[in-house]
Protein backbone atom coordinates (compact mmCIF):
# COMPACT_ATOMS: atom_id res chain seq x y z
CA MET A 1 -40.39 3.82 -32.21
CA VAL A 2 -36.77 4.57 -33.35
CA LYS A 3 -36.93 7.98 -31.72
CA ARG A 4 -38.09 6.35 -28.40
CA ASP A 5 -35.27 3.84 -28.53
CA LEU A 6 -32.68 6.55 -29.32
CA ILE A 7 -33.90 8.72 -26.37
CA ARG A 8 -33.79 5.71 -24.15
CA ASN A 9 -30.27 4.76 -25.11
CA ILE A 10 -29.09 8.28 -24.51
CA ILE A 11 -30.56 8.31 -21.18
CA LEU A 12 -28.84 5.19 -20.27
CA ILE A 13 -25.57 6.24 -21.49
CA VAL A 14 -25.86 9.50 -19.43
CA ILE A 15 -26.84 7.38 -16.28
CA ALA A 16 -23.92 5.05 -16.78
CA LEU A 17 -21.40 8.00 -17.24
CA LEU A 18 -22.96 9.81 -14.02
CA VAL A 19 -22.51 6.70 -11.98
CA PHE A 20 -18.88 6.20 -13.32
CA PHE A 21 -17.97 9.61 -12.49
CA LEU A 22 -19.58 9.34 -9.05
CA LEU A 23 -17.61 6.31 -8.28
CA ARG A 24 -14.44 7.91 -9.57
CA ILE A 25 -14.92 10.83 -7.32
CA PHE A 26 -16.06 9.25 -4.11
CA VAL A 27 -14.92 5.44 -4.09
CA PHE A 28 -12.22 4.98 -6.52
CA SER A 29 -9.10 6.75 -8.00
CA THR A 30 -6.28 5.82 -10.10
CA PHE A 31 -2.44 5.96 -9.15
CA LYS A 32 0.61 5.45 -11.37
CA VAL A 33 3.42 3.68 -9.65
CA HIS A 34 6.62 5.70 -9.62
CA GLU A 35 10.19 4.21 -9.25
CA ASP A 36 10.34 5.07 -5.50
CA ALA A 37 6.98 3.35 -4.95
CA SER A 38 7.65 0.35 -6.88
CA ASN A 39 8.14 -3.28 -5.53
CA ALA A 40 8.00 -6.93 -6.43
CA TYR A 41 4.28 -6.68 -7.06
CA LEU A 42 3.81 -3.21 -8.39
CA LYS A 43 6.24 -2.14 -11.03
CA ASN A 44 7.28 1.29 -11.90
CA GLY A 45 4.52 2.68 -14.62
CA ASP A 46 1.75 0.27 -13.29
CA VAL A 47 -1.54 2.06 -13.14
CA VAL A 48 -3.75 0.85 -10.26
CA LEU A 49 -7.05 1.45 -8.94
CA VAL A 50 -7.27 2.82 -5.40
CA ASN A 51 -10.17 2.16 -3.18
CA ARG A 52 -10.94 5.11 -0.96
CA ASN A 53 -13.60 3.32 1.16
CA LYS A 54 -11.74 0.36 2.32
CA ASP A 55 -10.09 0.22 5.71
CA PRO A 56 -6.37 -0.83 5.40
CA GLN A 57 -5.72 -4.34 6.80
CA TYR A 58 -2.59 -6.23 7.39
CA LYS A 59 -0.64 -6.94 4.25
CA ASP A 60 -2.67 -4.45 2.19
CA PHE A 61 -0.85 -2.03 -0.21
CA ILE A 62 -1.84 1.52 0.44
CA VAL A 63 -1.14 4.90 -1.29
CA TYR A 64 -0.44 7.66 1.09
CA LYS A 65 0.83 11.14 1.16
CA VAL A 66 3.82 12.81 2.89
CA LYS A 67 4.83 16.26 2.16
CA ASP A 68 2.92 16.43 -1.24
CA ILE A 69 4.61 13.17 -2.46
CA TYR A 70 2.59 9.97 -2.72
CA TYR A 71 4.06 6.60 -1.75
CA ILE A 72 3.09 3.01 -1.72
CA SER A 73 3.89 0.70 1.21
CA ARG A 74 2.37 -2.29 2.80
CA VAL A 75 0.38 -2.22 5.99
CA ILE A 76 2.45 -4.02 8.66
CA ALA A 77 0.69 -3.20 11.99
CA THR A 78 -2.74 -1.78 12.75
CA GLU A 79 -4.31 -0.13 15.89
CA GLY A 80 -3.41 -1.74 19.15
CA GLN A 81 -0.45 -3.97 17.74
CA GLU A 82 3.10 -3.91 18.91
CA ALA A 83 5.70 -4.44 16.05
CA THR A 84 9.37 -5.06 16.07
CA VAL A 85 11.99 -6.12 13.62
CA MET A 86 15.06 -7.77 15.15
CA ASP A 87 17.73 -9.76 13.25
CA ASP A 88 15.50 -9.59 10.05
CA ILE A 89 12.64 -11.29 11.88
CA LEU A 90 9.23 -9.43 12.18
CA TYR A 91 7.51 -9.71 15.32
CA ILE A 92 3.71 -8.67 15.70
CA ASP A 93 2.60 -8.63 19.36
CA LYS A 94 5.71 -10.76 20.14
CA ALA A 95 4.73 -13.46 17.66
CA VAL A 96 6.95 -14.28 14.59
CA LYS A 97 5.21 -13.21 11.28
CA ASP A 98 6.20 -14.98 8.08
CA GLU A 99 6.87 -12.55 5.25
CA PRO A 100 6.76 -14.64 2.00
CA TYR A 101 5.93 -11.55 0.00
CA ILE A 102 9.48 -10.09 0.46
CA GLU A 103 11.50 -13.41 -0.20
CA SER A 104 12.44 -12.43 -3.80
CA GLU A 105 13.54 -8.85 -2.72
CA LYS A 106 15.42 -10.30 0.24
CA LEU A 107 17.19 -12.95 -1.99
CA LYS A 108 18.25 -10.32 -4.51
CA TYR A 109 19.58 -8.11 -1.70
CA GLN A 110 21.58 -10.95 -0.10
CA SER A 111 23.20 -12.08 -3.38
CA SER A 112 24.74 -8.57 -3.72
CA ALA A 113 25.24 -7.70 -0.20
CA ASP A 114 28.16 -8.59 2.13
CA GLY A 115 26.15 -10.91 4.34
CA GLN A 116 26.74 -8.79 7.41
CA THR A 117 23.97 -6.25 6.81
CA ALA A 118 20.36 -6.99 7.63
CA PHE A 119 17.70 -6.76 4.79
CA THR A 120 15.39 -5.00 7.20
CA SER A 121 17.09 -2.78 9.78
CA ASP A 122 16.03 -3.32 13.40
CA PHE A 123 13.29 -0.96 14.84
CA SER A 124 10.33 -1.02 17.10
CA ILE A 125 7.14 1.24 17.69
CA PRO A 126 9.04 3.14 20.42
CA SER A 127 12.14 3.75 18.17
CA ILE A 128 9.84 5.18 15.26
CA THR A 129 7.79 7.35 17.36
CA LYS A 130 10.71 8.54 19.75
CA ASN A 131 9.17 6.62 22.78
CA LYS A 132 5.86 8.20 22.35
CA TYR A 133 4.05 5.02 21.80
CA THR A 134 4.60 1.31 22.54
CA LYS A 135 1.71 0.12 20.23
CA VAL A 136 0.24 1.54 17.17
CA PRO A 137 -2.29 4.01 18.38
CA LYS A 138 -5.98 4.55 17.00
CA GLY A 139 -5.83 6.17 13.62
CA TYR A 140 -2.39 5.19 12.58
CA TYR A 141 -0.56 2.44 10.68
CA LEU A 142 2.76 0.99 10.52
CA VAL A 143 3.74 0.52 6.89
CA LEU A 144 6.98 -0.90 5.37
CA ASN A 145 8.12 -1.30 1.81
CA ASP A 146 8.74 -4.72 0.39
CA ASN A 147 12.17 -3.67 -0.63
CA ARG A 148 13.29 -2.86 2.90
CA GLN A 149 16.56 -1.10 1.59
CA ASN A 150 13.93 1.76 0.47
CA THR A 151 13.26 3.36 3.89
CA ASN A 152 10.56 5.79 2.52
CA ASP A 153 8.01 4.24 4.90
CA SER A 154 7.25 4.26 8.69
CA ARG A 155 11.02 4.14 9.48
CA ARG A 156 11.50 7.40 7.88
CA PHE A 157 8.12 9.18 8.25
CA GLY A 158 6.83 7.64 11.43
CA LEU A 159 3.42 6.06 11.80
CA ILE A 160 1.15 6.91 9.08
CA LYS A 161 -2.06 8.86 9.97
CA GLU A 162 -5.31 7.64 8.60
CA SER A 163 -5.74 11.13 7.18
CA GLN A 164 -2.60 10.72 4.94
CA ILE A 165 -3.96 7.60 3.27
CA ARG A 166 -5.33 8.12 -0.05
CA GLY A 167 -6.75 4.44 -0.22
CA VAL A 168 -6.15 0.64 -0.57
CA ILE A 169 -4.79 -0.70 -3.79
CA SER A 170 -7.13 -3.34 -5.12
CA PHE A 171 -6.83 -3.50 -8.89
CA ARG A 172 -4.26 -3.01 -11.58
CA LEU A 173 -5.43 -1.39 -14.70
CA PHE A 174 -2.12 -1.26 -16.66
CA PRO A 175 -0.11 -2.99 -18.22
CA LEU A 176 -2.93 -4.95 -19.70
CA LYS A 177 -0.95 -8.47 -19.35
CA ASN A 178 -1.34 -7.98 -15.58
CA PHE A 179 -4.77 -6.56 -15.72
CA GLY A 180 -6.73 -7.66 -12.50
CA PHE A 181 -6.92 -7.70 -8.78
CA VAL A 182 -3.75 -7.13 -6.81
CA ASN A 183 -2.80 -10.10 -4.71
CA ALA A 184 -1.32 -8.84 -1.53
CA GLU A 185 0.65 -12.04 -0.96
C-alpha cells in the first residue's frame, strides 16, 4: 500500500513538472524589467510573466525585440487604426483618447520642464513610416512608452511587427509585495 502511494505521488509530481515545463516553453515566459523598459507600473527589477499566446490589444504592455534588445511598451494602435499625437493629445481614428495611465509621468515631467516642451512629441503614422502607411497595417502595432520622453518605441523603431513581439505582460511575479495581475490602466 505504501509503495503504491509512493509510485502514484511520484507519477503525479512528474506529470505536474511536465505540464509546468510545457506551459513555460509554449505559453509563458518570464522577463526582468530593465531601466530602459520601466514605467509607472513596471519598475526596474520587476519580474513579469509574458503570455505568448495572447493577441496584443489597446493599452496592453508588450515585450518586443529590436536588434537583439527587448523593450516594453504599451500598445496604442492596432491593425486598421489611424493614430496621431498633436499638442500632447492622442487621436485614434480622429477621436481623442484619454490616457489616465500617463498622468503621473506627465505631471512629473511638467514640474521639471520649461512648460514649452510637450510631454509627447507630435507624430502620426505617416511620419513614423516615412509616408508608407496612413493606418496601422495588418501584422503591425503602434507602441509608446508611458514615459513619453523615452522614445525607445514606435517613434524610434517604426511600427512593431507581430514577429518582433515576445508576448503580452499579464502577471508580476516579483517583487512579492506587487505579486499579481498587471493592470494596464
